[in-house]
Amino acid sequence: MSSAMLSTQLTAVRGTPVQAISRPAPCRCSTVVRASAEQPAQRRAVLGGLMAGVVGLSALSANAIDVTDDRKVRDLGFDIIYEARDLDLPQDERDGLKQFRGSLDDTKKRVKISEGRIDSVLEPYIKKAYWTAAREELRLQLGTLRFDLNTLGATKPNKTDKKKAILLKQDFIKKAEELDFALRQKIPEKCNEDLKLTKESLDKAIAFVL
């Protein structure tokens, strides 16, 4: 009896029509990007504004430059450093000797300055036993006077005076070299004696050429 009932129920289920269940399809959202014709125009406008600002700043900077005339400065020896490197120039001009002798007034001023340095600086150095400083000062002034005395002696009108100027210069150089040797020996008495002789010799040479 139970099997008959089960068979009847299965038959009833099988014969029952099944209704299909419909499910809604998933919604897919899509975004469409459309280029606007106004964007390139805006970019061009921004770039144009930036370029105009840069040009304006450049114009202001150009207007702020001060133009100076350095021709007079160059005549006084501003380009000597470049002349020293120019291999096409004569050696005396590259060394500055030509410019050094160019003005007699400047030469006379340098001679008086060197004389003053020897008269006022060397003696205190010797008293304080500043031997190195004294030698450097003496050699510095001797290097200047060696050329300046030649320049002034060359202006003498005759050969006799020129020869005498050379002899006086040589005597001064000899006395200065003896003083330099005494400074190296660090003997105060000898240094003072040689300094006195150097000053006297220099005074004679300067008095004759000036």
Protein backbone atom coordinates (compact mmCIF):
# COMPACT_ATOMS: atom_id res chain seq x y z
CA MET A 1 0.00 0.00 0.00
CA SER A 2 2.78 2.36 0.79
CA SER A 3 4.59 1.64 -2.46
CA ALA A 4 1.44 2.30 -4.49
CA MET A 5 0.96 5.65 -2.81
CA LEU A 6 4.58 6.65 -3.42
CA SER A 7 4.31 5.72 -7.07
CA THR A 8 1.13 7.79 -7.36
CA GLN A 9 2.80 10.84 -5.77
CA LEU A 10 5.81 10.60 -8.11
CA THR A 11 3.50 10.39 -11.06
CA ALA A 12 1.66 13.44 -9.89
CA VAL A 13 4.88 15.40 -9.44
CA ARG A 14 6.20 14.40 -12.80
CA GLY A 15 3.05 15.46 -14.52
CA THR A 16 2.99 18.87 -12.87
CA PRO A 17 4.20 21.58 -15.20
CA VAL A 18 7.24 23.53 -13.89
CA GLN A 19 7.20 27.28 -14.19
CA ALA A 20 10.54 28.82 -15.23
CA ILE A 21 11.97 31.43 -12.88
CA SER A 22 13.34 34.43 -14.71
CA ARG A 23 16.22 36.39 -13.19
CA PRO A 24 16.99 40.00 -14.17
CA ALA A 25 20.17 40.42 -16.22
CA PRO A 26 23.04 42.29 -14.46
CA CYS A 27 23.21 45.92 -15.25
CA ARG A 28 26.50 47.00 -16.88
CA CYS A 29 27.24 50.69 -16.64
CA SER A 30 29.55 52.22 -19.24
CA THR A 31 31.01 55.70 -19.17
CA VAL A 32 31.64 57.43 -22.42
CA VAL A 33 34.40 60.10 -22.38
CA ARG A 34 33.90 62.75 -24.93
CA ALA A 35 36.72 65.15 -25.73
CA SER A 36 35.76 68.73 -25.47
CA ALA A 37 36.94 71.12 -28.12
CA GLU A 38 37.44 73.78 -25.43
CA GLN A 39 40.30 71.99 -23.60
CA PRO A 40 43.05 72.53 -26.25
CA ALA A 41 42.04 76.14 -26.48
CA GLN A 42 42.35 76.52 -22.70
CA ARG A 43 45.80 74.89 -22.74
CA ARG A 44 46.97 77.21 -25.48
CA ALA A 45 45.69 80.18 -23.54
CA VAL A 46 47.54 79.11 -20.36
CA LEU A 47 50.80 78.49 -22.25
CA GLY A 48 50.45 81.78 -24.03
CA GLY A 49 50.07 83.56 -20.72
CA LEU A 50 53.16 81.87 -19.29
CA MET A 51 55.25 82.75 -22.32
CA ALA A 52 54.11 86.34 -22.16
CA GLY A 53 55.14 86.49 -18.49
CA VAL A 54 58.58 85.06 -19.25
CA VAL A 55 59.12 87.54 -22.06
CA GLY A 56 58.04 90.38 -19.79
CA LEU A 57 60.48 89.35 -17.05
CA SER A 58 63.29 89.05 -19.59
CA ALA A 59 62.53 92.52 -20.89
CA LEU A 60 62.62 93.93 -17.34
CA SER A 61 65.97 92.23 -16.66
CA ALA A 62 67.38 93.57 -19.90
CA ASN A 63 66.29 97.08 -19.02
CA ALA A 64 67.94 96.80 -15.58
CA ILE A 65 71.48 96.20 -16.96
CA ASP A 66 73.87 99.10 -16.42
CA VAL A 67 76.26 99.73 -19.31
CA THR A 68 79.63 101.13 -18.26
CA ASP A 69 82.50 102.40 -20.36
CA ASP A 70 85.67 100.48 -19.39
CA ARG A 71 87.93 101.88 -22.07
CA LYS A 72 89.75 104.11 -19.60
CA VAL A 73 90.19 101.21 -17.17
CA ARG A 74 91.62 99.07 -19.95
CA ASP A 75 94.08 101.82 -20.84
CA LEU A 76 95.34 101.70 -17.23
CA GLY A 77 96.21 98.01 -17.51
CA PHE A 78 92.98 96.09 -16.93
CA ASP A 79 93.90 93.53 -19.61
CA ILE A 80 97.48 92.94 -18.49
CA ILE A 81 96.62 89.41 -17.35
CA TYR A 82 95.47 88.58 -20.88
CA GLU A 83 98.53 90.21 -22.41
CA ALA A 84 100.73 87.96 -20.28
CA ARG A 85 99.10 84.91 -21.90
CA ASP A 86 99.22 86.21 -25.45
CA LEU A 87 102.12 84.47 -27.20
CA ASP A 88 101.91 86.85 -30.17
CA LEU A 89 103.09 89.82 -28.07
CA PRO A 90 106.77 90.68 -27.45
CA GLN A 91 108.26 89.25 -24.30
CA ASP A 92 108.82 92.64 -22.62
CA GLU A 93 105.14 93.47 -23.10
CA ARG A 94 104.02 90.06 -21.80
CA ASP A 95 106.19 90.57 -18.71
CA GLY A 96 104.72 94.04 -18.16
CA LEU A 97 108.04 95.81 -18.61
CA LYS A 98 106.76 97.95 -21.46
CA GLN A 99 103.76 99.10 -19.44
CA PHE A 100 106.00 99.49 -16.40
CA ARG A 101 108.17 102.03 -18.21
CA GLY A 102 105.31 103.69 -20.05
CA SER A 103 104.90 106.68 -17.73
CA LEU A 104 107.86 108.57 -16.27
CA ASP A 105 105.63 110.22 -13.69
CA ASP A 106 104.47 106.83 -12.40
CA THR A 107 108.07 105.60 -12.42
CA LYS A 108 109.21 108.52 -10.28
CA LYS A 109 106.35 107.90 -7.85
CA ARG A 110 107.32 104.24 -7.51
CA VAL A 111 110.95 105.20 -6.87
CA LYS A 112 109.94 107.55 -4.04
CA ILE A 113 107.64 104.90 -2.55
CA SER A 114 110.40 102.28 -2.63
CA GLU A 115 112.83 104.75 -1.05
CA GLY A 116 110.34 105.47 1.72
CA ARG A 117 109.82 101.77 2.40
CA ILE A 118 113.56 101.15 2.70
CA ASP A 119 113.99 104.16 5.00
CA SER A 120 111.03 103.42 7.29
CA VAL A 121 110.34 99.68 7.27
CA LEU A 122 113.68 97.87 7.25
CA GLU A 123 115.16 99.40 10.40
CA PRO A 124 112.21 98.43 12.68
CA TYR A 125 112.32 94.89 11.26
CA ILE A 126 116.03 94.64 12.10
CA LYS A 127 115.46 95.93 15.64
CA LYS A 128 112.73 93.34 16.20
CA ALA A 129 114.83 90.57 14.58
CA TYR A 130 112.19 90.02 11.89
CA TRP A 131 114.83 88.68 9.53
CA THR A 132 112.53 87.00 7.01
CA ALA A 133 110.22 90.01 6.76
CA ALA A 134 113.21 92.33 6.33
CA ARG A 135 114.69 90.22 3.53
CA GLU A 136 111.37 90.00 1.70
CA GLU A 137 110.82 93.75 1.95
CA LEU A 138 114.36 94.50 0.74
CA ARG A 139 114.09 92.12 -2.21
CA LEU A 140 110.68 93.50 -3.16
CA GLN A 141 111.91 97.08 -3.30
CA LEU A 142 115.16 96.05 -5.00
CA GLY A 143 113.24 94.28 -7.74
CA THR A 144 111.23 97.43 -8.41
CA LEU A 145 114.12 99.87 -8.21
CA ARG A 146 116.30 97.79 -10.51
CA PHE A 147 114.00 98.56 -13.45
CA ASP A 148 112.88 102.04 -12.43
CA LEU A 149 116.44 103.34 -12.08
CA ASN A 150 117.22 101.94 -15.53
CA THR A 151 114.17 103.70 -16.96
CA LEU A 152 115.05 107.05 -15.43
CA GLY A 153 118.72 106.72 -16.32
CA ALA A 154 117.82 106.09 -19.97
CA THR A 155 116.19 109.54 -20.13
CA LYS A 156 119.53 111.31 -19.65
CA PRO A 157 120.50 113.38 -22.69
CA ASN A 158 124.09 112.14 -23.20
CA LYS A 159 126.03 108.90 -22.86
CA THR A 160 128.17 110.17 -19.98
CA ASP A 161 125.17 110.81 -17.76
CA LYS A 162 123.59 107.52 -18.78
CA LYS A 163 126.77 105.67 -17.87
CA LYS A 164 126.97 107.43 -14.51
CA ALA A 165 123.32 106.53 -13.78
CA ILE A 166 124.14 102.88 -14.50
CA LEU A 167 127.17 102.96 -12.18
CA LEU A 168 125.15 104.51 -9.36
CA LYS A 169 122.45 101.91 -9.80
CA GLN A 170 125.00 99.09 -9.73
CA ASP A 171 126.56 100.46 -6.55
CA PHE A 172 123.13 100.56 -4.90
CA ILE A 173 122.40 96.98 -5.95
CA LYS A 174 125.75 95.84 -4.56
CA LYS A 175 125.09 97.50 -1.22
CA ALA A 176 121.57 96.02 -1.10
CA GLU A 177 122.89 92.52 -1.79
CA GLU A 178 125.42 92.90 1.03
CA LEU A 179 122.57 93.93 3.31
CA ASP A 180 120.59 90.88 2.20
CA PHE A 181 123.52 88.64 3.10
CA ALA A 182 123.81 90.26 6.54
CA LEU A 183 120.08 89.66 7.10
CA ARG A 184 120.55 86.00 6.30
CA GLN A 185 123.43 85.86 8.80
CA LYS A 186 121.16 87.56 11.40
CA ILE A 187 123.85 89.90 12.68
CA PRO A 188 122.16 93.11 13.92
CA GLU A 189 125.31 95.29 13.96
CA LYS A 190 126.26 94.30 10.42
CA CYS A 191 122.67 94.76 9.23
CA ASN A 192 122.47 98.29 10.62
CA GLU A 193 125.79 99.21 9.05
CA ASP A 194 124.85 97.80 5.64
CA LEU A 195 121.43 99.42 5.83
CA LYS A 196 123.05 102.81 6.34
CA LEU A 197 125.31 102.28 3.31
CA THR A 198 122.36 101.08 1.22
CA LYS A 199 120.35 104.18 2.03
CA GLU A 200 123.24 106.49 1.15
CA SER A 201 123.84 104.72 -2.17
CA LEU A 202 120.16 104.84 -3.05
CA ASP A 203 119.92 108.54 -2.22
CA LYS A 204 122.79 109.29 -4.60
CA ALA A 205 121.26 107.26 -7.43
CA ILE A 206 117.82 108.82 -7.03
CA ALA A 207 119.17 112.35 -6.75
CA PHE A 208 120.99 111.94 -10.03
CA VAL A 209 118.21 110.41 -12.14
CA LEU A 210 115.32 112.55 -10.88
